N, C-alpha and C. Protein backbone atom coordinates (compact mmCIF):
# COMPACT_ATOMS: atom_id res chain seq x y z
N MET A 1 115.39 -49.16 -1.60
CA MET A 1 116.24 -48.85 -0.49
C MET A 1 116.60 -47.31 -0.49
N ARG A 2 116.80 -46.79 -1.62
CA ARG A 2 117.19 -45.38 -1.75
C ARG A 2 116.03 -44.51 -1.26
N LYS A 3 114.80 -44.85 -1.51
CA LYS A 3 113.67 -44.09 -1.05
C LYS A 3 113.54 -44.06 0.47
N VAL A 4 114.13 -45.02 1.13
CA VAL A 4 114.11 -45.09 2.58
C VAL A 4 115.33 -44.34 3.15
N LEU A 5 116.49 -44.54 2.52
CA LEU A 5 117.72 -43.88 3.01
C LEU A 5 117.74 -42.39 2.90
N ILE A 6 117.20 -41.86 1.80
CA ILE A 6 117.18 -40.41 1.64
C ILE A 6 116.43 -39.69 2.73
N PRO A 7 115.18 -40.12 3.10
CA PRO A 7 114.52 -39.42 4.18
C PRO A 7 115.25 -39.53 5.53
N ILE A 8 115.82 -40.70 5.75
CA ILE A 8 116.66 -40.86 7.01
C ILE A 8 117.83 -39.93 7.02
N LEU A 9 118.52 -39.84 5.90
CA LEU A 9 119.69 -38.94 5.82
C LEU A 9 119.24 -37.48 5.99
N CYS A 10 118.11 -37.13 5.37
CA CYS A 10 117.63 -35.75 5.51
C CYS A 10 117.26 -35.43 6.94
N LEU A 11 116.63 -36.42 7.62
CA LEU A 11 116.29 -36.21 9.04
C LEU A 11 117.54 -36.03 9.88
N PHE A 12 118.57 -36.82 9.63
CA PHE A 12 119.78 -36.67 10.37
C PHE A 12 120.42 -35.35 10.08
N LEU A 13 120.45 -34.89 8.82
CA LEU A 13 120.97 -33.58 8.50
C LEU A 13 120.14 -32.49 9.14
N GLY A 14 118.88 -32.67 9.23
CA GLY A 14 117.97 -31.65 9.88
C GLY A 14 118.25 -31.54 11.38
N LEU A 15 118.48 -32.69 12.05
CA LEU A 15 118.79 -32.66 13.45
C LEU A 15 120.10 -32.01 13.69
N THR A 16 121.11 -32.41 12.84
CA THR A 16 122.44 -31.78 12.96
C THR A 16 122.44 -30.27 12.83
N ALA A 17 121.71 -29.79 11.73
CA ALA A 17 121.61 -28.43 11.46
C ALA A 17 120.88 -27.69 12.60
N ASN A 18 119.91 -28.32 13.17
CA ASN A 18 119.16 -27.71 14.30
C ASN A 18 120.07 -27.42 15.44
N LEU A 19 120.93 -28.41 15.80
CA LEU A 19 121.88 -28.25 16.94
C LEU A 19 122.89 -27.25 16.61
N VAL A 20 123.44 -27.27 15.40
CA VAL A 20 124.52 -26.34 14.98
C VAL A 20 124.01 -24.86 15.01
N VAL A 21 122.78 -24.66 14.48
CA VAL A 21 122.26 -23.30 14.52
C VAL A 21 122.03 -22.78 15.94
N ALA A 22 121.49 -23.67 16.82
CA ALA A 22 121.34 -23.26 18.24
C ALA A 22 122.64 -22.94 18.81
N TRP A 23 123.68 -23.69 18.58
CA TRP A 23 125.03 -23.39 19.15
C TRP A 23 125.60 -22.14 18.58
N LEU A 24 125.36 -21.87 17.30
CA LEU A 24 125.89 -20.62 16.68
C LEU A 24 125.25 -19.39 17.33
N CYS A 25 123.87 -19.55 17.52
CA CYS A 25 123.17 -18.44 18.17
C CYS A 25 123.70 -18.19 19.59
N ALA A 26 124.05 -19.29 20.34
CA ALA A 26 124.56 -19.18 21.71
C ALA A 26 125.96 -18.53 21.60
N ILE A 27 126.82 -18.93 20.71
CA ILE A 27 128.16 -18.38 20.64
C ILE A 27 128.07 -16.87 20.29
N ASN A 28 127.22 -16.50 19.32
CA ASN A 28 127.07 -15.16 18.94
C ASN A 28 126.63 -14.24 20.11
N ILE A 29 125.61 -14.69 20.85
CA ILE A 29 125.09 -13.91 21.96
C ILE A 29 126.07 -13.83 23.09
N GLN A 30 126.73 -14.96 23.38
CA GLN A 30 127.68 -14.95 24.53
C GLN A 30 128.93 -14.14 24.13
N SER A 31 129.29 -14.16 22.87
CA SER A 31 130.42 -13.30 22.41
C SER A 31 130.07 -11.82 22.55
N ASP A 32 128.83 -11.45 22.21
CA ASP A 32 128.34 -10.06 22.43
C ASP A 32 128.43 -9.70 23.89
N TRP A 33 128.02 -10.63 24.74
CA TRP A 33 128.08 -10.37 26.17
C TRP A 33 129.45 -10.13 26.66
N GLN A 34 130.43 -10.99 26.22
CA GLN A 34 131.77 -10.88 26.66
C GLN A 34 132.41 -9.53 26.13
N ASN A 35 132.10 -9.23 24.85
CA ASN A 35 132.57 -7.96 24.30
C ASN A 35 132.08 -6.77 25.04
N SER A 36 130.79 -6.82 25.46
CA SER A 36 130.15 -5.70 26.11
C SER A 36 130.76 -5.49 27.51
N LEU A 37 131.17 -6.65 28.12
CA LEU A 37 131.84 -6.57 29.46
C LEU A 37 133.17 -5.95 29.32
N GLU A 38 133.93 -6.35 28.31
CA GLU A 38 135.29 -5.86 28.11
C GLU A 38 135.31 -4.36 27.74
N SER A 39 134.28 -3.95 26.99
CA SER A 39 134.30 -2.54 26.56
C SER A 39 133.36 -1.70 27.46
N ASN A 40 132.90 -2.26 28.55
CA ASN A 40 132.02 -1.53 29.48
C ASN A 40 130.75 -1.00 28.85
N GLN A 41 130.21 -1.80 27.94
CA GLN A 41 128.96 -1.46 27.24
C GLN A 41 127.86 -2.42 27.53
N THR A 42 127.74 -2.83 28.82
CA THR A 42 126.76 -3.82 29.19
C THR A 42 125.33 -3.33 29.00
N GLY A 43 125.15 -1.99 29.14
CA GLY A 43 123.85 -1.43 28.94
C GLY A 43 123.39 -1.62 27.52
N GLN A 44 124.26 -1.51 26.57
CA GLN A 44 123.88 -1.68 25.13
C GLN A 44 123.56 -3.15 24.88
N PHE A 45 124.22 -4.06 25.51
CA PHE A 45 123.96 -5.49 25.36
C PHE A 45 122.53 -5.81 25.98
N MET A 46 122.24 -5.19 27.16
CA MET A 46 120.92 -5.44 27.76
C MET A 46 119.84 -4.90 26.91
N GLN A 47 120.00 -3.74 26.24
CA GLN A 47 119.03 -3.15 25.37
C GLN A 47 118.81 -3.89 24.10
N SER A 48 119.72 -4.83 23.80
CA SER A 48 119.54 -5.64 22.54
C SER A 48 118.45 -6.66 22.70
N TRP A 49 118.01 -6.89 23.97
CA TRP A 49 116.96 -7.85 24.20
C TRP A 49 115.63 -7.13 24.24
N ARG A 50 114.61 -7.74 23.56
CA ARG A 50 113.22 -7.19 23.58
C ARG A 50 112.52 -7.67 24.81
N GLN A 51 111.89 -6.74 25.50
CA GLN A 51 111.18 -7.11 26.73
C GLN A 51 109.79 -7.65 26.33
N LYS A 52 109.57 -8.93 26.71
CA LYS A 52 108.29 -9.52 26.39
C LYS A 52 107.32 -9.47 27.54
N ARG A 53 107.80 -9.82 28.66
CA ARG A 53 106.92 -9.78 29.91
C ARG A 53 107.74 -9.42 31.12
N LEU A 54 107.10 -8.82 32.09
CA LEU A 54 107.77 -8.42 33.35
C LEU A 54 106.75 -8.44 34.51
N GLU A 55 107.15 -9.12 35.60
CA GLU A 55 106.31 -9.15 36.79
C GLU A 55 107.24 -9.13 38.04
N THR A 56 106.65 -8.68 39.11
CA THR A 56 107.33 -8.68 40.37
C THR A 56 106.64 -9.55 41.34
N HIS A 57 107.41 -10.47 42.02
CA HIS A 57 106.85 -11.43 42.93
C HIS A 57 107.53 -11.30 44.30
N GLU A 58 106.98 -10.50 45.17
CA GLU A 58 107.52 -10.36 46.51
C GLU A 58 109.01 -10.16 46.56
N GLY A 59 109.49 -9.14 45.82
CA GLY A 59 110.87 -8.82 45.81
C GLY A 59 111.65 -9.40 44.70
N TRP A 60 111.15 -10.42 44.04
CA TRP A 60 111.83 -11.00 42.90
C TRP A 60 111.24 -10.35 41.62
N HIS A 61 112.11 -9.96 40.74
CA HIS A 61 111.71 -9.38 39.43
C HIS A 61 111.91 -10.48 38.38
N VAL A 62 110.83 -10.89 37.75
CA VAL A 62 110.90 -12.03 36.80
C VAL A 62 110.62 -11.36 35.40
N GLN A 63 111.48 -11.67 34.47
CA GLN A 63 111.37 -11.11 33.13
C GLN A 63 111.48 -12.25 32.08
N VAL A 64 110.89 -12.08 30.93
CA VAL A 64 111.13 -12.89 29.76
C VAL A 64 111.52 -11.94 28.60
N GLN A 65 112.67 -12.23 28.06
CA GLN A 65 113.20 -11.35 27.00
C GLN A 65 113.56 -12.19 25.79
N SER A 66 113.70 -11.53 24.63
CA SER A 66 114.04 -12.25 23.46
C SER A 66 114.84 -11.35 22.53
N ARG A 67 115.57 -11.98 21.66
CA ARG A 67 116.27 -11.33 20.51
C ARG A 67 116.37 -12.43 19.46
N PHE A 68 116.99 -12.05 18.34
CA PHE A 68 117.06 -13.04 17.23
C PHE A 68 117.79 -14.27 17.70
N GLY A 69 117.14 -15.37 17.60
CA GLY A 69 117.78 -16.73 17.90
C GLY A 69 117.83 -17.03 19.37
N ALA A 70 117.21 -16.25 20.24
CA ALA A 70 117.33 -16.58 21.63
C ALA A 70 116.11 -16.03 22.45
N THR A 71 115.82 -16.77 23.55
CA THR A 71 114.86 -16.25 24.51
C THR A 71 115.40 -16.61 25.89
N ARG A 72 115.21 -15.74 26.85
CA ARG A 72 115.72 -16.06 28.15
C ARG A 72 114.75 -15.61 29.23
N ALA A 73 114.72 -16.42 30.34
CA ALA A 73 113.85 -16.09 31.48
C ALA A 73 114.83 -15.73 32.60
N ILE A 74 114.51 -14.61 33.25
CA ILE A 74 115.36 -14.03 34.29
C ILE A 74 114.60 -13.83 35.59
N ALA A 75 115.20 -14.13 36.68
CA ALA A 75 114.66 -13.77 38.04
C ALA A 75 115.77 -13.13 38.79
N THR A 76 115.58 -11.91 39.29
CA THR A 76 116.61 -11.18 40.01
C THR A 76 116.02 -10.64 41.29
N ASN A 77 116.97 -10.57 42.26
CA ASN A 77 116.60 -9.98 43.58
C ASN A 77 117.86 -9.35 44.09
N GLY A 78 117.79 -8.04 44.32
CA GLY A 78 118.98 -7.32 44.81
C GLY A 78 118.68 -6.46 45.95
N ALA A 79 119.44 -6.52 47.00
CA ALA A 79 119.33 -5.67 48.18
C ALA A 79 118.01 -5.72 48.85
N TYR A 80 117.41 -6.90 48.86
CA TYR A 80 116.17 -7.12 49.61
C TYR A 80 116.44 -7.92 50.86
N ALA A 81 115.98 -7.51 51.96
CA ALA A 81 116.27 -8.23 53.23
C ALA A 81 115.18 -9.20 53.55
N ALA A 82 115.58 -10.46 53.67
CA ALA A 82 114.67 -11.55 54.09
C ALA A 82 113.36 -11.55 53.28
N SER A 83 113.51 -11.42 51.94
CA SER A 83 112.35 -11.55 51.08
C SER A 83 111.80 -12.93 51.13
N PRO A 84 110.50 -13.08 51.25
CA PRO A 84 109.94 -14.42 51.25
C PRO A 84 110.00 -15.16 49.94
N ALA A 85 110.00 -16.49 49.99
CA ALA A 85 109.99 -17.25 48.76
C ALA A 85 108.72 -16.89 47.93
N SER A 86 108.90 -17.03 46.62
CA SER A 86 107.79 -16.65 45.76
C SER A 86 107.53 -17.69 44.70
N PHE A 87 106.35 -17.91 44.28
CA PHE A 87 106.03 -18.89 43.25
C PHE A 87 105.58 -18.14 42.00
N VAL A 88 106.23 -18.34 40.89
CA VAL A 88 105.85 -17.70 39.63
C VAL A 88 104.63 -18.40 39.00
N PRO A 89 103.53 -17.73 38.74
CA PRO A 89 102.36 -18.30 38.16
C PRO A 89 102.64 -19.10 36.90
N ALA A 90 101.88 -20.23 36.72
CA ALA A 90 102.04 -20.98 35.49
C ALA A 90 101.65 -20.14 34.29
N GLY A 91 102.31 -20.30 33.21
CA GLY A 91 102.03 -19.57 32.01
C GLY A 91 102.79 -18.32 31.81
N PHE A 92 103.45 -17.79 32.86
CA PHE A 92 104.18 -16.58 32.67
C PHE A 92 105.54 -16.82 32.05
N LEU A 93 106.21 -17.85 32.52
CA LEU A 93 107.50 -18.28 31.96
C LEU A 93 107.34 -19.32 30.87
N PRO A 94 108.30 -19.39 30.00
CA PRO A 94 108.30 -20.44 28.95
C PRO A 94 108.28 -21.83 29.63
N SER A 95 107.63 -22.78 28.97
CA SER A 95 107.52 -24.09 29.58
C SER A 95 108.78 -24.80 29.86
N TRP A 96 109.86 -24.45 29.19
CA TRP A 96 111.14 -25.08 29.38
C TRP A 96 111.93 -24.50 30.56
N SER A 97 111.61 -23.39 31.02
CA SER A 97 112.33 -22.75 32.11
C SER A 97 112.05 -23.39 33.44
N THR A 98 113.11 -23.51 34.26
CA THR A 98 112.96 -24.12 35.54
C THR A 98 112.78 -23.10 36.68
N ILE A 99 112.73 -21.78 36.32
CA ILE A 99 112.54 -20.77 37.35
C ILE A 99 111.06 -20.75 37.71
N ARG A 100 110.75 -21.49 38.69
CA ARG A 100 109.36 -21.57 39.17
C ARG A 100 109.18 -21.13 40.60
N GLU A 101 109.85 -21.85 41.52
CA GLU A 101 109.81 -21.50 42.89
C GLU A 101 111.09 -20.76 43.28
N LEU A 102 110.98 -19.50 43.64
CA LEU A 102 112.16 -18.73 43.97
C LEU A 102 112.42 -18.78 45.48
N PRO A 103 113.68 -18.98 45.88
CA PRO A 103 113.98 -19.22 47.27
C PRO A 103 113.95 -17.92 48.07
N GLU A 104 113.93 -18.03 49.36
CA GLU A 104 113.98 -16.94 50.26
C GLU A 104 115.37 -16.29 50.17
N VAL A 105 115.45 -15.00 50.21
CA VAL A 105 116.72 -14.29 50.14
C VAL A 105 117.02 -13.82 51.56
N SER A 106 118.13 -14.21 52.16
CA SER A 106 118.41 -13.94 53.51
C SER A 106 119.61 -13.00 53.67
N PHE A 107 119.99 -12.23 52.60
CA PHE A 107 121.09 -11.30 52.70
C PHE A 107 120.58 -9.96 52.14
N GLU A 108 121.28 -8.92 52.54
CA GLU A 108 120.82 -7.61 52.18
C GLU A 108 121.53 -6.96 50.98
N ASP A 109 122.80 -7.15 50.89
CA ASP A 109 123.55 -6.44 49.93
C ASP A 109 123.96 -7.27 48.65
N ASP A 110 123.85 -8.58 48.82
CA ASP A 110 124.26 -9.37 47.68
C ASP A 110 123.17 -9.41 46.61
N TYR A 111 123.61 -9.87 45.43
CA TYR A 111 122.67 -9.95 44.33
C TYR A 111 122.35 -11.40 43.99
N ALA A 112 121.11 -11.74 43.85
CA ALA A 112 120.75 -13.04 43.50
C ALA A 112 120.13 -13.06 42.08
N GLY A 113 120.42 -14.02 41.27
CA GLY A 113 119.83 -14.02 39.91
C GLY A 113 119.90 -15.43 39.35
N TYR A 114 118.91 -15.61 38.47
CA TYR A 114 118.82 -16.93 37.76
C TYR A 114 118.47 -16.56 36.34
N ILE A 115 119.15 -17.19 35.44
CA ILE A 115 118.88 -17.02 33.95
C ILE A 115 118.82 -18.35 33.27
N ASP A 116 117.70 -18.64 32.64
CA ASP A 116 117.57 -19.80 31.74
C ASP A 116 117.55 -19.24 30.37
N ALA A 117 118.41 -19.73 29.52
CA ALA A 117 118.46 -19.26 28.11
C ALA A 117 118.27 -20.36 27.08
N ALA A 118 117.46 -19.99 26.07
CA ALA A 118 117.17 -20.98 24.94
C ALA A 118 117.63 -20.36 23.66
N TYR A 119 118.10 -21.17 22.73
CA TYR A 119 118.63 -20.74 21.46
C TYR A 119 118.05 -21.55 20.29
N GLY A 120 118.07 -20.99 19.11
CA GLY A 120 117.69 -21.73 17.90
C GLY A 120 116.89 -20.78 16.96
N TRP A 121 116.72 -21.28 15.73
CA TRP A 121 115.92 -20.61 14.69
C TRP A 121 115.41 -21.61 13.74
N PRO A 122 114.15 -21.55 13.29
CA PRO A 122 113.15 -20.46 13.52
C PRO A 122 112.49 -20.52 14.88
N GLN A 123 112.63 -21.61 15.66
CA GLN A 123 112.15 -21.70 17.01
C GLN A 123 113.39 -21.94 17.93
N VAL A 124 113.30 -21.51 19.20
CA VAL A 124 114.32 -21.88 20.14
C VAL A 124 114.13 -23.37 20.39
N SER A 125 115.29 -24.16 20.35
CA SER A 125 115.16 -25.58 20.38
C SER A 125 116.08 -26.24 21.45
N PHE A 126 117.05 -25.53 21.92
CA PHE A 126 117.94 -26.05 23.00
C PHE A 126 118.13 -24.98 24.07
N TRP A 127 118.20 -25.44 25.35
CA TRP A 127 118.32 -24.46 26.38
C TRP A 127 119.23 -24.92 27.52
N HIS A 128 119.66 -24.02 28.37
CA HIS A 128 120.53 -24.33 29.47
C HIS A 128 120.38 -23.27 30.53
N THR A 129 120.90 -23.55 31.72
CA THR A 129 120.93 -22.52 32.72
C THR A 129 122.15 -21.70 32.48
N TRP A 130 121.95 -20.39 32.12
CA TRP A 130 123.06 -19.59 31.76
C TRP A 130 123.77 -19.00 33.02
N MET A 131 122.92 -18.72 34.07
CA MET A 131 123.51 -18.20 35.29
C MET A 131 122.67 -18.56 36.46
N GLY A 132 123.30 -18.89 37.61
CA GLY A 132 122.59 -19.13 38.82
C GLY A 132 123.36 -18.69 39.96
N MET A 133 122.71 -18.34 41.03
CA MET A 133 123.42 -17.89 42.28
C MET A 133 123.05 -18.85 43.43
N THR A 134 124.03 -19.01 44.32
CA THR A 134 123.82 -19.77 45.55
C THR A 134 123.10 -18.84 46.51
N GLU A 135 122.74 -19.43 47.74
CA GLU A 135 122.03 -18.64 48.70
C GLU A 135 122.95 -17.54 49.26
N GLU A 136 124.25 -17.71 49.15
CA GLU A 136 125.16 -16.67 49.63
C GLU A 136 125.44 -15.61 48.59
N GLY A 137 124.81 -15.74 47.40
CA GLY A 137 125.06 -14.77 46.34
C GLY A 137 126.21 -15.04 45.47
N ASN A 138 126.87 -16.23 45.67
CA ASN A 138 127.97 -16.55 44.79
C ASN A 138 127.50 -17.23 43.49
N PRO A 139 128.16 -16.90 42.39
CA PRO A 139 127.81 -17.52 41.16
C PRO A 139 127.88 -19.06 41.13
N GLU A 140 126.87 -19.67 40.52
CA GLU A 140 126.94 -21.11 40.34
C GLU A 140 127.62 -21.35 39.02
N VAL A 141 128.82 -21.98 39.09
CA VAL A 141 129.67 -22.10 37.92
C VAL A 141 129.42 -23.35 37.11
N THR A 142 128.67 -24.31 37.66
CA THR A 142 128.46 -25.55 36.90
C THR A 142 127.61 -25.36 35.65
N GLN A 143 126.69 -24.45 35.67
CA GLN A 143 125.79 -24.16 34.54
C GLN A 143 125.25 -25.48 33.98
N PRO A 144 124.28 -26.13 34.66
CA PRO A 144 123.76 -27.38 34.22
C PRO A 144 123.13 -27.28 32.78
N GLY A 145 123.25 -28.31 32.11
CA GLY A 145 122.67 -28.36 30.72
C GLY A 145 123.57 -27.75 29.68
N SER A 146 124.83 -27.44 30.09
CA SER A 146 125.73 -26.82 29.14
C SER A 146 126.96 -27.68 28.82
N TRP A 147 127.44 -27.48 27.66
CA TRP A 147 128.72 -28.08 27.22
C TRP A 147 129.72 -26.91 27.21
N HIS A 148 130.76 -26.97 28.03
CA HIS A 148 131.72 -25.84 28.14
C HIS A 148 132.78 -26.06 27.08
N VAL A 149 132.85 -25.11 26.16
CA VAL A 149 133.84 -25.11 25.09
C VAL A 149 134.52 -23.77 25.06
N GLY A 150 135.72 -23.73 25.66
CA GLY A 150 136.42 -22.42 25.74
C GLY A 150 135.57 -21.45 26.53
N PRO A 151 135.37 -20.23 26.06
CA PRO A 151 134.57 -19.27 26.83
C PRO A 151 133.04 -19.42 26.66
N TRP A 152 132.65 -20.36 25.86
CA TRP A 152 131.24 -20.48 25.53
C TRP A 152 130.60 -21.63 26.34
N ARG A 153 129.29 -21.48 26.52
CA ARG A 153 128.47 -22.49 27.16
C ARG A 153 127.35 -22.85 26.17
N LEU A 154 127.51 -24.05 25.59
CA LEU A 154 126.57 -24.49 24.56
C LEU A 154 125.45 -25.31 25.14
N PRO A 155 124.18 -24.98 24.80
CA PRO A 155 123.07 -25.70 25.41
C PRO A 155 122.94 -27.11 24.88
N LEU A 156 122.50 -27.99 25.79
CA LEU A 156 122.36 -29.45 25.47
C LEU A 156 120.91 -29.94 25.71
N ARG A 157 120.11 -29.17 26.46
CA ARG A 157 118.74 -29.69 26.71
C ARG A 157 117.76 -29.32 25.62
N PRO A 158 117.16 -30.33 24.96
CA PRO A 158 116.21 -30.03 23.92
C PRO A 158 114.89 -29.48 24.44
N ILE A 159 114.25 -28.62 23.65
CA ILE A 159 112.86 -28.12 23.91
C ILE A 159 111.99 -28.96 22.90
N PRO A 160 111.08 -29.80 23.37
CA PRO A 160 110.39 -30.72 22.45
C PRO A 160 109.81 -30.05 21.22
N PHE A 161 108.99 -29.02 21.46
CA PHE A 161 108.30 -28.34 20.34
C PHE A 161 109.28 -27.75 19.36
N GLY A 162 110.17 -26.89 19.86
CA GLY A 162 111.13 -26.26 18.96
C GLY A 162 112.06 -27.26 18.31
N PHE A 163 112.46 -28.29 19.07
CA PHE A 163 113.32 -29.34 18.47
C PHE A 163 112.65 -30.00 17.27
N ALA A 164 111.33 -30.33 17.41
CA ALA A 164 110.66 -31.05 16.35
C ALA A 164 110.44 -30.10 15.11
N ILE A 165 110.02 -28.83 15.40
CA ILE A 165 109.78 -27.89 14.33
C ILE A 165 111.05 -27.62 13.53
N ASN A 166 112.16 -27.32 14.25
CA ASN A 166 113.42 -27.00 13.57
C ASN A 166 113.99 -28.17 12.81
N THR A 167 113.91 -29.40 13.41
CA THR A 167 114.41 -30.53 12.76
C THR A 167 113.74 -30.80 11.44
N ILE A 168 112.42 -30.74 11.44
CA ILE A 168 111.58 -30.91 10.21
C ILE A 168 111.91 -29.82 9.20
N PHE A 169 112.03 -28.60 9.70
CA PHE A 169 112.32 -27.46 8.77
C PHE A 169 113.64 -27.68 8.02
N TYR A 170 114.67 -28.00 8.78
CA TYR A 170 116.04 -28.20 8.14
C TYR A 170 116.03 -29.50 7.35
N ALA A 171 115.30 -30.53 7.77
CA ALA A 171 115.25 -31.77 7.00
C ALA A 171 114.56 -31.50 5.63
N ALA A 172 113.54 -30.64 5.64
CA ALA A 172 112.84 -30.35 4.36
C ALA A 172 113.81 -29.56 3.46
N LEU A 173 114.60 -28.62 4.07
CA LEU A 173 115.57 -27.92 3.24
C LEU A 173 116.57 -28.85 2.63
N ALA A 174 117.06 -29.76 3.44
CA ALA A 174 118.02 -30.77 2.97
C ALA A 174 117.47 -31.57 1.80
N PHE A 175 116.19 -32.02 1.99
CA PHE A 175 115.54 -32.85 0.93
C PHE A 175 115.45 -32.07 -0.34
N GLY A 176 115.02 -30.77 -0.24
CA GLY A 176 114.88 -29.95 -1.37
C GLY A 176 116.22 -29.68 -2.10
N LEU A 177 117.28 -29.50 -1.35
CA LEU A 177 118.61 -29.30 -1.97
C LEU A 177 119.05 -30.56 -2.62
N MET A 178 118.77 -31.73 -1.99
CA MET A 178 119.19 -32.97 -2.66
C MET A 178 118.43 -33.29 -3.93
N ARG A 179 117.20 -32.80 -4.02
CA ARG A 179 116.39 -33.00 -5.22
C ARG A 179 116.68 -32.05 -6.41
N LEU A 180 117.27 -30.89 -6.06
CA LEU A 180 117.48 -29.92 -7.05
C LEU A 180 118.34 -30.37 -8.24
N PRO A 181 119.51 -31.04 -7.98
CA PRO A 181 120.33 -31.44 -9.12
C PRO A 181 119.58 -32.39 -10.04
N GLY A 182 118.81 -33.29 -9.48
CA GLY A 182 118.03 -34.27 -10.33
C GLY A 182 117.02 -33.51 -11.12
N LEU A 183 116.31 -32.54 -10.57
CA LEU A 183 115.32 -31.74 -11.26
C LEU A 183 115.97 -30.96 -12.43
N PHE A 184 117.12 -30.30 -12.12
CA PHE A 184 117.78 -29.60 -13.25
C PHE A 184 118.20 -30.47 -14.34
N ARG A 185 118.71 -31.71 -13.99
CA ARG A 185 119.20 -32.66 -14.96
C ARG A 185 117.97 -33.12 -15.82
N ARG A 186 116.84 -33.37 -15.23
CA ARG A 186 115.68 -33.88 -15.96
C ARG A 186 115.19 -32.73 -16.93
N TYR A 187 115.07 -31.54 -16.42
CA TYR A 187 114.51 -30.47 -17.26
C TYR A 187 115.57 -30.12 -18.39
N GLY A 188 116.82 -30.27 -18.06
CA GLY A 188 117.85 -30.07 -19.13
C GLY A 188 117.74 -31.13 -20.18
N ARG A 189 117.52 -32.31 -19.86
CA ARG A 189 117.38 -33.39 -20.82
C ARG A 189 116.14 -33.16 -21.68
N LEU A 190 115.02 -32.76 -21.05
CA LEU A 190 113.81 -32.55 -21.77
C LEU A 190 114.01 -31.32 -22.77
N ALA A 191 114.71 -30.35 -22.32
CA ALA A 191 114.90 -29.20 -23.20
C ALA A 191 115.68 -29.56 -24.46
N LEU A 192 116.53 -30.63 -24.37
CA LEU A 192 117.30 -31.13 -25.46
C LEU A 192 116.57 -32.21 -26.24
N GLY A 193 115.33 -32.49 -25.79
CA GLY A 193 114.51 -33.59 -26.46
C GLY A 193 114.98 -34.96 -26.08
N ARG A 194 115.53 -35.18 -24.92
CA ARG A 194 115.96 -36.41 -24.43
C ARG A 194 115.08 -36.91 -23.29
N CYS A 195 115.17 -38.20 -23.05
CA CYS A 195 114.38 -38.82 -22.00
C CYS A 195 114.89 -38.33 -20.63
N PRO A 196 114.03 -37.85 -19.73
CA PRO A 196 114.50 -37.40 -18.44
C PRO A 196 115.11 -38.52 -17.54
N GLY A 197 114.81 -39.76 -17.88
CA GLY A 197 115.29 -40.88 -17.09
C GLY A 197 116.67 -41.40 -17.54
N CYS A 198 116.77 -41.68 -18.83
CA CYS A 198 118.04 -42.34 -19.31
C CYS A 198 118.88 -41.36 -20.18
N GLY A 199 118.27 -40.30 -20.64
CA GLY A 199 119.03 -39.32 -21.40
C GLY A 199 119.03 -39.69 -22.90
N MET A 200 118.46 -40.71 -23.37
CA MET A 200 118.36 -41.02 -24.74
C MET A 200 117.41 -40.15 -25.50
N MET A 201 117.58 -39.99 -26.77
CA MET A 201 116.70 -39.15 -27.57
C MET A 201 115.26 -39.77 -27.46
N ILE A 202 114.28 -38.90 -27.33
CA ILE A 202 112.92 -39.36 -27.17
C ILE A 202 112.33 -39.72 -28.50
N VAL A 203 112.08 -40.94 -28.69
CA VAL A 203 111.36 -41.43 -29.84
C VAL A 203 110.35 -42.47 -29.35
N THR A 204 109.09 -42.04 -29.15
CA THR A 204 108.11 -42.91 -28.59
C THR A 204 107.07 -43.26 -29.60
N ARG A 205 106.54 -44.49 -29.50
CA ARG A 205 105.50 -44.90 -30.41
C ARG A 205 104.16 -44.56 -29.88
N ASP A 206 104.01 -44.56 -28.54
CA ASP A 206 102.67 -44.20 -28.04
C ASP A 206 102.60 -42.85 -27.38
N GLY A 207 103.78 -42.11 -27.30
CA GLY A 207 103.76 -40.76 -26.74
C GLY A 207 103.70 -40.70 -25.24
N ARG A 208 103.81 -41.83 -24.51
CA ARG A 208 103.66 -41.83 -23.10
C ARG A 208 104.92 -42.25 -22.31
N VAL A 209 105.68 -43.19 -22.89
CA VAL A 209 106.86 -43.69 -22.17
C VAL A 209 108.03 -43.77 -23.17
N CYS A 210 109.23 -43.69 -22.59
CA CYS A 210 110.45 -43.76 -23.40
C CYS A 210 110.59 -45.20 -23.92
N ASP A 211 110.87 -45.40 -25.22
CA ASP A 211 111.01 -46.70 -25.78
C ASP A 211 112.23 -47.46 -25.27
N ASP A 212 113.25 -46.68 -24.73
CA ASP A 212 114.48 -47.32 -24.30
C ASP A 212 114.41 -47.77 -22.87
N CYS A 213 113.87 -46.90 -21.93
CA CYS A 213 113.89 -47.26 -20.53
C CYS A 213 112.55 -47.34 -19.88
N GLY A 214 111.50 -46.95 -20.61
CA GLY A 214 110.17 -47.02 -20.08
C GLY A 214 109.78 -45.86 -19.15
N HIS A 215 110.62 -44.81 -19.07
CA HIS A 215 110.29 -43.61 -18.22
C HIS A 215 109.19 -42.80 -18.85
N ALA A 216 108.28 -42.29 -18.00
CA ALA A 216 107.18 -41.51 -18.51
C ALA A 216 107.64 -40.19 -19.15
N VAL A 217 107.22 -39.97 -20.33
CA VAL A 217 107.62 -38.70 -21.02
C VAL A 217 106.38 -38.00 -21.59
N THR A 218 105.19 -38.26 -20.98
CA THR A 218 103.96 -37.60 -21.52
C THR A 218 103.97 -36.12 -21.38
N TRP A 219 104.85 -35.59 -20.45
CA TRP A 219 104.91 -34.13 -20.31
C TRP A 219 106.03 -33.50 -21.09
N ALA A 220 106.65 -34.34 -22.02
CA ALA A 220 107.71 -33.78 -22.85
C ALA A 220 107.24 -33.73 -24.30
N ARG A 221 107.87 -32.80 -25.03
CA ARG A 221 107.61 -32.70 -26.47
C ARG A 221 108.40 -33.74 -27.20
N ALA A 222 107.80 -34.81 -27.54
CA ALA A 222 108.51 -35.94 -28.22
C ALA A 222 108.77 -35.58 -29.67
């Protein structure tokens, strides 16, 4: 039973750690954003993102940017009059982003923008719509795919590939950490000339198993 429960527990811990790390990345980045707005240092925050790809589609500027623990897809359109709708080619945006078909912009002075943001490490594993605009240029405040906690918007939508990779990664770490105390205990017993299984002094007749509990001791100095 223990051999079954330990992998299940490690998998649960891996899933939990995956979500917590993604949320911590989101909180850190959104806190940087809020601090930059309050200190009027938005340019510095924008420069913290590495530019991966940039294209222009009939008035819409589409970008993919990244920084530690996050990737975001951005489509912006400012001061364009009656720009036609545009379709972003497949393969340019991350597979999880919903910025595909961009609507027609029918106003001149307003700013339209869409941001999908994903968070996590070592892969981005959860995403949400960070910002969206209505046709009139007003912010869309619902931010679908987010859990609103105070000033933060925590992502809830899993990214299948990143979700699987991160969960396995953290589950393996949890399994290793759970195994370490037992390994230290076994090596400590062996160093003292004791059976790694039961801790009794090793006195074997055949040099292969402990006479008290039957644990293999062929790799110990009996």
